[in-house]
Structures are given as C-alpha cells and as structure tokens.
Amino acid sequence: MSKKLTILDIAKLSGVGKSTVSRVLTNDPKVKPETRAKVERVIEESGYVPSKSAQAMRGGSQKVVGVIISRLDSPSENKAVGSMLQALYQAGYDAVIMESQFDREKTNEHLDVLKKRNVDGVIVFGFSDFDIFRLTAWQNRSVVIAMDTDVTSSINYDNHGVITLALDYLAEQDVNDIAFIGVDPSDKTTGQVRLNAYLEWCENHNVEPHYQTGHLSHESAYQLVDELLTTQTQAIACASDTLALGVIKRLQELEREDVLVTGVGGNELLSFLFPNVFSIDPGYAQAGQMAANLLISQINGESELHHLTQSPIIR
C-alpha cells in the first residue's frame, strides 16, 4: 500500500513552505495566484486529501458531500434530493447543494469549488453536455444520476420503459390514436430515448406516429398541442409531467376533455388536480437514496464502480 501523503509532502512537491499549503487549503486570499495554482496542481495530481483533524481545525465539517442539481425548481430532482439527504444525514454527512442550470462550464466551476473545499465525494445530476471526464479526478468518490457512464458510478432511469408503460396503459383503455409530445432529441435521455420508445411502440402496434418535440417547459408543450392535435386524437402521451401540465391547459381551452393525457414523473400535485391523468413514476426518490448509499460505500473504501438502472414505480 502506498504511503498516505501529508501536508509536508505536498509542500516539498510544490517547492513551498508547509504554511503556504495550509493557506491554499483555507483559501487565504493573500496567496499569490501563481503559487496557488502550483500547489493546487500538485494536490490534484497526487490525490491528496487533508486529514479529518486538519479539516476540523479549519472549521469545516468532517463529513461533507457535494450535490450538483440541474435545476432547483425541478420536481423530479427535488424528489431525488429529498431521499438522498435523508440517507446522507442518517450516515452523519452534511451536503452542499449547487445548481448547474445544464451549463457545462458552471458545473465544472462547481466541481472545482467542491474540490478546493475537500468534500468527501460528489453526486451530480447529469445532462447531455456534462463534461463527465471531470469526475475522473474524484477517484471513485462520485456518482452520476440520470445518465450512463463508465467514468464513475452511475444511476439511470428506464427512459424507454416509462413511455412503453404509459402507452400500454392507453392501449388497455381501447385508445388507438395516440400522439406524443417530448423533449428535443438533443437531450439524449428524456429527449431521444423517450421519443424512440414511442416510435418503436407505434411500429410494433401498427399505429401511425404523430409527435412534436420542444423544450422541457409547460409553455413549450402548450404551444405544441395545436401542431399535432386532430379531431381523431384520442390521447397525448408526454415525456414528462411538466409537459403534461402544459398539454392539459391547452386541451381545456380547446374543450377537448375527451383526450386522455399521460405523463412521466409521478407528480403528486398533478395527480391531485387531474385524477384522470396517468403518470409513471421513474423512481426518482429511490434513485436519490440509492445514489447516497452508493457514494457512502465508496467513501468508505469500496473501489468497484456500479452502473444501475432504476425501474419505474407502479402505484
């Protein structure tokens, strides 16, 4: 087993004094930018992690993980974070929650900040443009949710299955003319995979597909209804509950209450306001708890990567 590096080792490798390394670790603004960059490069390349006692002396928590969520107003991600925090708190960890806004550079900046704060690990909600290789520096102390990757442990949702289940439900209601409103295929999961599931289902059931894709917002779905709705349309399957809300509003304005609507998300408010809407729960809460437990096990020494798929929850 290789020797665990100390702050003195980092000082020698960086060519600076021990006190300078300490000031870098505590983000002392008096450290020269070029000196800080040199020390931080040595820390990253060596994989140095400050001791718990040193963290405590700096006033920080001894057990902290970072959580980078895509949108703070996302019902699905909030559901995952809720169960995630319960698992982390029970294990004695605090959490630093940050928002990526689906921005690649902002996410990288967050990861840099968390690295400097020496958090024990990180959980990131993935998105299409996410620079997944930035997680290689976390040495198996990271978990990605909502995407597949071999770079780190990951938990994905059954994006194909949730749409197939919704369409099967509509078929059981003797509904044949089913349209689909989704997210732009540039989004590989909610967009491309869920659209492909609809197209494959239509082909397997000899049903002519009618679909539109746009942004993941109520407004986008609201506007798309008029582009695919016909007098024969019996149902509109939506790639998310967010889209379903926009569709329902437009259908009400058009007095087309004969059209059934399905969503994905298991949103309790949607089910309460519109009991006739069928929504598939991808298992957001279960995935959040799973991600927390997986990260904790890796922090505690398990080095093996895990790639899991959360099954939909049928209620």
Protein backbone atom coordinates (compact mmCIF):
# COMPACT_ATOMS: atom_id res chain seq x y z
CA MET A 1 0.00 0.00 0.00
CA SER A 2 1.42 3.44 -0.94
CA LYS A 3 2.21 5.94 1.81
CA LYS A 4 -0.54 8.43 2.54
CA LEU A 5 0.71 11.91 1.68
CA THR A 6 0.88 14.61 4.32
CA ILE A 7 0.71 18.38 4.06
CA LEU A 8 4.51 18.41 4.40
CA ASP A 9 4.82 16.11 1.37
CA ILE A 10 2.65 18.49 -0.67
CA ALA A 11 4.82 21.41 0.44
CA LYS A 12 8.02 19.65 -0.70
CA LEU A 13 6.49 18.62 -4.05
CA SER A 14 5.29 22.17 -4.61
CA GLY A 15 8.53 23.81 -3.54
CA VAL A 16 6.81 25.95 -0.92
CA GLY A 17 6.52 26.00 2.84
CA LYS A 18 4.04 24.00 4.88
CA SER A 19 2.28 27.17 5.98
CA THR A 20 1.74 28.17 2.34
CA VAL A 21 -0.01 24.87 1.61
CA SER A 22 -2.21 25.45 4.67
CA ARG A 23 -3.16 28.89 3.39
CA VAL A 24 -4.03 27.43 -0.01
CA LEU A 25 -6.27 24.84 1.64
CA THR A 26 -8.06 27.54 3.63
CA ASN A 27 -8.44 29.77 0.53
CA ASP A 28 -6.35 32.56 2.04
CA PRO A 29 -6.60 35.50 -0.42
CA LYS A 30 -3.03 36.57 0.40
CA VAL A 31 -1.56 33.61 -1.52
CA LYS A 32 -0.21 34.64 -4.93
CA PRO A 33 -2.29 33.26 -7.84
CA GLU A 34 0.73 31.52 -9.41
CA THR A 35 1.66 29.90 -6.09
CA ARG A 36 -1.93 28.78 -5.50
CA ALA A 37 -2.11 27.27 -8.99
CA LYS A 38 1.15 25.34 -8.44
CA VAL A 39 0.04 23.91 -5.10
CA GLU A 40 -3.45 23.05 -6.34
CA ARG A 41 -1.95 21.24 -9.35
CA VAL A 42 0.22 19.09 -7.04
CA ILE A 43 -2.80 18.37 -4.80
CA GLU A 44 -4.93 17.28 -7.76
CA GLU A 45 -2.21 15.17 -9.39
CA SER A 46 -1.28 13.43 -6.13
CA GLY A 47 -4.83 12.83 -4.96
CA TYR A 48 -4.01 14.37 -1.59
CA VAL A 49 -6.92 14.53 0.88
CA PRO A 50 -6.45 16.56 4.11
CA SER A 51 -6.86 14.64 7.33
CA LYS A 52 -10.11 14.90 9.24
CA SER A 53 -8.35 16.61 12.11
CA ALA A 54 -6.98 19.24 9.74
CA GLN A 55 -10.46 19.80 8.32
CA ALA A 56 -11.86 20.23 11.81
CA MET A 57 -9.13 22.76 12.68
CA ARG A 58 -10.17 24.80 9.65
CA GLY A 59 -13.73 24.88 10.95
CA GLY A 60 -15.19 22.59 8.32
CA SER A 61 -17.41 19.56 8.76
CA GLN A 62 -15.61 16.25 8.84
CA LYS A 63 -18.20 14.57 6.62
CA VAL A 64 -19.45 16.62 3.69
CA VAL A 65 -20.55 15.71 0.15
CA GLY A 66 -21.41 17.97 -2.76
CA VAL A 67 -24.66 17.63 -4.71
CA ILE A 68 -24.95 19.37 -8.08
CA ILE A 69 -28.59 19.53 -9.16
CA SER A 70 -29.64 20.66 -12.65
CA ARG A 71 -32.50 22.96 -11.61
CA LEU A 72 -33.57 23.91 -8.12
CA ASP A 73 -37.19 24.08 -9.35
CA SER A 74 -37.18 20.58 -10.82
CA PRO A 75 -39.85 18.44 -9.08
CA SER A 76 -38.18 15.19 -10.15
CA GLU A 77 -34.70 16.17 -8.96
CA ASN A 78 -36.08 17.62 -5.73
CA LYS A 79 -37.78 14.30 -5.06
CA ALA A 80 -34.44 12.53 -5.56
CA VAL A 81 -32.56 15.05 -3.41
CA GLY A 82 -35.11 14.68 -0.60
CA SER A 83 -34.48 10.97 -0.17
CA MET A 84 -30.77 11.48 -0.82
CA LEU A 85 -30.45 13.95 2.06
CA GLN A 86 -32.25 11.61 4.43
CA ALA A 87 -29.72 8.86 3.69
CA LEU A 88 -26.77 11.26 3.97
CA TYR A 89 -27.95 12.77 7.25
CA GLN A 90 -28.54 9.34 8.74
CA ALA A 91 -24.94 8.46 7.92
CA GLY A 92 -23.66 11.65 9.54
CA TYR A 93 -22.93 13.62 6.36
CA ASP A 94 -23.74 17.23 5.54
CA ALA A 95 -24.46 18.31 1.96
CA VAL A 96 -23.52 21.32 -0.14
CA ILE A 97 -26.15 21.75 -2.87
CA MET A 98 -25.33 23.68 -6.06
CA GLU A 99 -27.21 24.27 -9.32
CA SER A 100 -25.74 23.57 -12.77
CA GLN A 101 -28.56 25.04 -14.90
CA PHE A 102 -27.50 22.50 -17.55
CA ASP A 103 -24.35 24.59 -18.05
CA ARG A 104 -21.10 22.70 -18.72
CA GLU A 105 -18.75 25.44 -17.54
CA LYS A 106 -20.80 26.28 -14.46
CA THR A 107 -20.78 22.60 -13.47
CA ASN A 108 -17.01 22.44 -13.85
CA GLU A 109 -16.67 25.56 -11.70
CA HIS A 110 -18.82 23.94 -9.03
CA LEU A 111 -16.67 20.82 -9.11
CA ASP A 112 -13.54 22.94 -8.71
CA VAL A 113 -15.02 24.71 -5.69
CA LEU A 114 -16.04 21.42 -4.09
CA LYS A 115 -12.57 20.03 -4.75
CA LYS A 116 -10.97 23.01 -3.03
CA ARG A 117 -13.30 22.56 -0.07
CA ASN A 118 -12.12 18.95 0.17
CA VAL A 119 -15.59 17.45 0.34
CA ASP A 120 -15.62 13.68 0.72
CA GLY A 121 -17.48 12.98 -2.52
CA VAL A 122 -19.94 14.37 -5.04
CA ILE A 123 -23.27 13.44 -6.63
CA VAL A 124 -24.09 15.08 -9.96
CA PHE A 125 -27.36 15.09 -11.91
CA GLY A 126 -26.15 14.55 -15.45
CA PHE A 127 -27.21 16.28 -18.66
CA SER A 128 -26.28 15.98 -22.33
CA ASP A 129 -23.40 18.48 -22.35
CA PHE A 130 -21.96 17.45 -18.98
CA ASP A 131 -18.16 17.04 -19.06
CA ILE A 132 -18.24 13.60 -17.47
CA PHE A 133 -14.46 13.16 -17.60
CA ARG A 134 -14.03 15.90 -15.00
CA LEU A 135 -15.11 13.29 -12.44
CA THR A 136 -12.02 11.17 -13.02
CA ALA A 137 -10.23 13.42 -10.52
CA TRP A 138 -12.59 12.29 -7.77
CA GLN A 139 -11.01 8.82 -7.56
CA ASN A 140 -14.20 6.77 -7.37
CA ARG A 141 -15.85 9.16 -4.93
CA SER A 142 -18.58 10.34 -7.28
CA VAL A 143 -21.96 9.19 -8.55
CA VAL A 144 -23.88 10.48 -11.57
CA ILE A 145 -27.68 10.35 -11.73
CA ALA A 146 -29.79 10.27 -14.92
CA MET A 147 -27.10 9.10 -17.34
CA ASP A 148 -24.94 6.08 -18.11
CA THR A 149 -21.17 6.36 -17.94
CA ASP A 150 -18.14 4.14 -17.38
CA VAL A 151 -16.14 7.02 -15.90
CA THR A 152 -17.81 6.80 -12.50
CA SER A 153 -20.65 5.01 -10.76
CA SER A 154 -23.99 5.92 -12.30
CA ILE A 155 -27.71 5.50 -11.77
CA ASN A 156 -30.00 5.91 -14.75
CA TYR A 157 -33.76 5.72 -15.21
CA ASP A 158 -35.56 3.32 -17.53
CA ASN A 159 -36.45 6.06 -20.00
CA HIS A 160 -37.63 3.56 -22.60
CA GLY A 161 -39.73 1.62 -20.11
CA VAL A 162 -41.63 4.59 -18.67
CA ILE A 163 -43.00 5.54 -22.10
CA THR A 164 -43.82 1.95 -23.01
CA LEU A 165 -45.77 1.53 -19.76
CA ALA A 166 -47.75 4.72 -20.43
CA LEU A 167 -48.60 3.64 -23.96
CA ASP A 168 -49.59 0.15 -22.81
CA TYR A 169 -51.92 1.78 -20.29
CA LEU A 170 -53.60 3.80 -23.04
CA ALA A 171 -53.96 0.72 -25.22
CA GLU A 172 -55.76 -1.00 -22.36
CA GLN A 173 -58.29 1.86 -22.47
CA ASP A 174 -59.01 0.96 -26.13
CA VAL A 175 -57.19 4.08 -27.30
CA ASN A 176 -55.55 3.80 -30.73
CA ASP A 177 -54.78 7.31 -31.99
CA ILE A 178 -52.02 8.38 -29.59
CA ALA A 179 -49.89 11.47 -30.16
CA PHE A 180 -46.65 12.24 -28.33
CA ILE A 181 -45.10 15.47 -27.04
CA GLY A 182 -41.49 15.18 -25.99
CA VAL A 183 -38.21 16.99 -25.50
CA ASP A 184 -35.78 17.86 -28.27
CA PRO A 185 -33.71 14.76 -29.17
CA SER A 186 -30.51 16.67 -28.42
CA ASP A 187 -31.33 15.63 -24.85
CA LYS A 188 -30.18 12.00 -25.03
CA THR A 189 -32.40 10.59 -22.28
CA THR A 190 -35.64 12.49 -21.71
CA GLY A 191 -35.49 13.55 -25.36
CA GLN A 192 -34.06 10.89 -27.68
CA VAL A 193 -34.66 7.69 -25.69
CA ARG A 194 -38.27 8.51 -24.77
CA LEU A 195 -39.09 9.56 -28.33
CA ASN A 196 -37.56 6.33 -29.66
CA ALA A 197 -39.71 4.35 -27.22
CA TYR A 198 -42.83 5.99 -28.64
CA LEU A 199 -41.79 5.37 -32.25
CA GLU A 200 -40.91 1.73 -31.55
CA TRP A 201 -44.22 1.16 -29.76
CA CYS A 202 -46.15 2.64 -32.70
CA GLU A 203 -44.27 0.41 -35.14
CA ASN A 204 -44.88 -2.70 -33.05
CA HIS A 205 -48.61 -1.93 -32.77
CA ASN A 206 -49.10 -0.77 -36.38
CA VAL A 207 -50.02 2.72 -35.19
CA GLU A 208 -49.17 5.83 -37.20
CA PRO A 209 -46.97 8.11 -35.06
CA HIS A 210 -47.82 11.77 -34.52
CA TYR A 211 -45.34 13.69 -32.43
CA GLN A 212 -43.74 17.04 -31.67
CA THR A 213 -40.70 17.88 -29.56
CA GLY A 214 -39.62 21.11 -27.89
CA HIS A 215 -38.28 22.48 -24.63
CA LEU A 216 -38.83 20.89 -21.22
CA SER A 217 -41.39 23.51 -20.13
CA HIS A 218 -45.14 23.98 -19.70
CA GLU A 219 -45.12 26.75 -22.31
CA SER A 220 -43.44 24.63 -24.96
CA ALA A 221 -45.92 21.76 -24.57
CA TYR A 222 -48.84 24.20 -24.52
CA GLN A 223 -47.80 25.59 -27.90
CA LEU A 224 -47.10 22.18 -29.45
CA VAL A 225 -50.63 20.86 -28.85
CA ASP A 226 -52.07 22.79 -31.79
CA GLU A 227 -49.40 21.40 -34.11
CA LEU A 228 -50.43 17.76 -33.68
CA LEU A 229 -53.98 17.69 -32.32
CA THR A 230 -56.64 16.43 -34.76
CA THR A 231 -60.28 15.52 -34.41
CA GLN A 232 -59.22 11.86 -34.28
CA THR A 233 -56.66 12.27 -31.48
CA GLN A 234 -57.68 10.16 -28.50
CA ALA A 235 -54.65 10.65 -26.26
CA ILE A 236 -51.41 12.57 -25.88
CA ALA A 237 -48.50 10.84 -24.14
CA CYS A 238 -46.00 13.30 -22.68
CA ALA A 239 -42.32 12.72 -21.94
CA SER A 240 -42.69 14.40 -18.53
CA ASP A 241 -45.27 15.70 -16.07
CA THR A 242 -44.04 19.23 -16.78
CA LEU A 243 -45.10 18.82 -20.41
CA ALA A 244 -48.36 17.16 -19.37
CA LEU A 245 -49.39 20.26 -17.41
CA GLY A 246 -48.99 22.45 -20.49
CA VAL A 247 -50.92 19.97 -22.62
CA ILE A 248 -53.80 19.78 -20.13
CA LYS A 249 -54.15 23.56 -20.01
CA ARG A 250 -54.39 23.83 -23.81
CA LEU A 251 -56.82 20.93 -24.08
CA GLN A 252 -59.08 22.59 -21.50
CA GLU A 253 -59.07 25.81 -23.52
CA LEU A 254 -59.98 23.84 -26.64
CA GLU A 255 -62.69 21.95 -24.69
CA ARG A 256 -61.10 18.64 -25.67
CA GLU A 257 -61.62 16.82 -22.39
CA ASP A 258 -62.14 13.65 -24.45
CA VAL A 259 -58.36 13.43 -24.99
CA LEU A 260 -56.51 11.34 -22.39
CA VAL A 261 -53.11 12.56 -21.14
CA THR A 262 -50.19 10.65 -19.64
CA GLY A 263 -47.01 11.97 -18.08
CA VAL A 264 -43.77 10.81 -16.54
CA GLY A 265 -42.75 11.81 -13.05
CA GLY A 266 -45.35 10.62 -10.57
CA ASN A 267 -46.04 14.24 -9.55
CA GLU A 268 -48.48 14.15 -6.61
CA LEU A 269 -49.86 17.63 -7.38
CA LEU A 270 -50.62 16.63 -10.97
CA SER A 271 -52.48 13.52 -9.81
CA PHE A 272 -54.39 15.55 -7.19
CA LEU A 273 -55.51 18.28 -9.60
CA PHE A 274 -56.19 15.93 -12.52
CA PRO A 275 -57.10 12.45 -11.20
CA ASN A 276 -57.70 11.14 -14.72
CA VAL A 277 -54.11 11.80 -15.79
CA PHE A 278 -51.92 8.70 -15.70
CA SER A 279 -48.33 9.42 -14.64
CA ILE A 280 -45.47 6.92 -14.44
CA ASP A 281 -43.02 7.40 -11.56
CA PRO A 282 -39.49 6.59 -12.81
CA GLY A 283 -38.39 6.05 -9.21
CA TYR A 284 -36.79 9.41 -8.50
CA ALA A 285 -36.88 9.06 -4.71
CA GLN A 286 -35.46 5.54 -4.86
CA ALA A 287 -32.64 6.68 -7.15
CA GLY A 288 -31.71 9.50 -4.78
CA GLN A 289 -31.43 7.15 -1.82
CA MET A 290 -29.50 4.65 -3.92
CA ALA A 291 -27.04 7.34 -5.05
CA ALA A 292 -26.37 8.45 -1.47
CA ASN A 293 -25.79 4.91 -0.22
CA LEU A 294 -23.56 4.12 -3.19
CA LEU A 295 -21.42 7.20 -2.62
CA ILE A 296 -21.09 6.49 1.10
CA SER A 297 -19.91 2.94 0.37
CA GLN A 298 -17.24 4.29 -1.99
CA ILE A 299 -16.10 6.91 0.52
CA ASN A 300 -15.71 4.06 3.00
CA GLY A 301 -13.30 2.22 0.75
CA GLU A 302 -15.23 0.32 -1.93
CA SER A 303 -13.47 0.97 -5.22
CA GLU A 304 -15.69 -1.01 -7.59
CA LEU A 305 -17.86 1.05 -9.94
CA HIS A 306 -21.59 0.33 -10.19
CA HIS A 307 -23.91 1.14 -13.09
CA LEU A 308 -27.55 0.75 -12.09
CA THR A 309 -30.94 1.34 -13.71
CA GLN A 310 -33.85 2.38 -11.51
CA SER A 311 -37.08 0.61 -12.50
CA PRO A 312 -40.35 2.57 -12.78
CA ILE A 313 -42.66 2.57 -9.76
CA ILE A 314 -46.22 1.47 -10.49
CA ARG A 315 -48.82 2.53 -7.95
